[in-house]
Amino acid sequence: MGKDGQRLVVVTLALMILGAVSPVLAMNYTFTSINFPGATQTLAHGINDTGSIVGHYSDGTTQASGFLATPVPEPASLLLLGFGLAGMMLWRRLS
């Protein structure tokens, strides 16, 4: 098997590992309440592709205020990043 064949095997195995790990990691959902400090009511209106949540809250007066909540990366994302880096290192070593 030549260098190209070895690269193909490494890439295929890396994709298979990431494909098998992703569903397992996706099964661990975490739900978090969004309660703005001092608010009597907090409503989320939407979420974008990056996970940012937009909404508004009321503090008991007639004025409503808006908020934008941005997510913090979870440990599973770091695990996937580690697998990617390890695969790149292995790819380079076999080159």
Protein backbone atom coordinates (compact mmCIF):
# COMPACT_ATOMS: atom_id res chain seq x y z
CA MET A 1 0.00 0.00 0.00
CA GLY A 2 1.43 3.37 -1.04
CA LYS A 3 1.41 6.69 0.80
CA ASP A 4 -1.90 7.70 -0.81
CA GLY A 5 -3.51 4.47 0.34
CA GLN A 6 -2.26 5.03 3.90
CA ARG A 7 -3.64 8.57 3.88
CA LEU A 8 -7.00 7.31 2.67
CA VAL A 9 -7.11 4.72 5.46
CA VAL A 10 -6.21 7.33 8.11
CA VAL A 11 -8.83 9.79 6.87
CA THR A 12 -11.48 7.07 6.67
CA LEU A 13 -10.73 5.86 10.19
CA ALA A 14 -10.75 9.42 11.56
CA LEU A 15 -14.13 10.12 9.98
CA MET A 16 -15.51 6.83 11.31
CA ILE A 17 -14.31 7.63 14.84
CA LEU A 18 -15.74 11.15 14.74
CA GLY A 19 -18.98 9.84 13.29
CA ALA A 20 -19.28 7.25 16.07
CA VAL A 21 -18.38 9.68 18.85
CA SER A 22 -20.65 12.54 17.77
CA PRO A 23 -24.02 10.79 18.38
CA VAL A 24 -22.84 9.61 21.80
CA LEU A 25 -21.84 13.14 22.78
CA ALA A 26 -25.05 14.59 21.35
CA MET A 27 -27.16 12.44 23.69
CA ASN A 28 -26.04 14.41 26.76
CA TYR A 29 -28.37 17.39 26.66
CA THR A 30 -28.26 20.15 29.25
CA PHE A 31 -31.15 22.53 29.76
CA THR A 32 -30.53 25.83 31.47
CA SER A 33 -33.13 28.30 32.71
CA ILE A 34 -32.66 31.86 31.55
CA ASN A 35 -33.63 34.18 34.40
CA PHE A 36 -32.36 37.73 34.20
CA PRO A 37 -31.43 39.00 37.71
CA GLY A 38 -34.26 41.08 39.20
CA ALA A 39 -36.69 40.26 36.38
CA THR A 40 -40.26 39.16 36.98
CA GLN A 41 -40.49 37.58 33.52
CA THR A 42 -37.85 36.44 31.00
CA LEU A 43 -38.77 35.32 27.49
CA ALA A 44 -36.46 33.89 24.84
CA HIS A 45 -37.55 34.63 21.26
CA GLY A 46 -34.93 32.97 19.09
CA ILE A 47 -31.64 31.18 18.75
CA ASN A 48 -29.17 31.39 15.85
CA ASP A 49 -26.75 28.84 14.37
CA THR A 50 -23.99 29.79 16.83
CA GLY A 51 -26.26 29.22 19.84
CA SER A 52 -26.80 32.86 20.78
CA ILE A 53 -30.23 33.45 22.34
CA VAL A 54 -32.15 36.69 22.00
CA GLY A 55 -35.14 37.72 24.09
CA HIS A 56 -36.53 40.26 26.51
CA TYR A 57 -37.26 40.59 30.22
CA SER A 58 -39.51 42.69 32.41
CA ASP A 59 -38.67 43.94 35.89
CA GLY A 60 -42.26 44.65 36.94
CA THR A 61 -42.43 48.12 35.40
CA THR A 62 -44.03 48.92 32.07
CA GLN A 63 -40.65 48.96 30.31
CA ALA A 64 -39.22 45.80 28.74
CA SER A 65 -35.51 45.34 28.07
CA GLY A 66 -33.76 43.06 25.59
CA PHE A 67 -30.93 40.59 26.16
CA LEU A 68 -28.48 38.54 24.12
CA ALA A 69 -27.09 35.39 25.76
CA THR A 70 -23.99 33.88 24.11
CA PRO A 71 -22.94 30.27 24.79
CA VAL A 72 -19.69 29.11 26.37
CA PRO A 73 -18.00 26.12 24.64
CA GLU A 74 -18.66 22.81 26.34
CA PRO A 75 -16.05 20.12 27.06
CA ALA A 76 -17.39 17.91 24.24
CA SER A 77 -16.34 20.58 21.74
CA LEU A 78 -12.84 20.49 23.14
CA LEU A 79 -12.81 16.69 22.80
CA LEU A 80 -13.72 16.93 19.11
CA LEU A 81 -11.02 19.57 18.64
CA GLY A 82 -8.50 17.19 20.26
CA PHE A 83 -9.50 14.36 17.91
CA GLY A 84 -9.09 16.68 14.94
CA LEU A 85 -5.62 17.79 16.05
CA ALA A 86 -4.55 14.20 16.70
CA GLY A 87 -5.76 13.19 13.23
CA MET A 88 -3.83 16.05 11.64
CA MET A 89 -0.66 15.07 13.50
CA LEU A 90 -1.05 11.44 12.40
CA TRP A 91 -1.70 12.54 8.82
CA ARG A 92 1.46 14.66 8.82
CA ARG A 93 3.53 11.87 10.31
CA LEU A 94 2.43 9.43 7.61
CA SER A 95 3.14 11.95 4.83
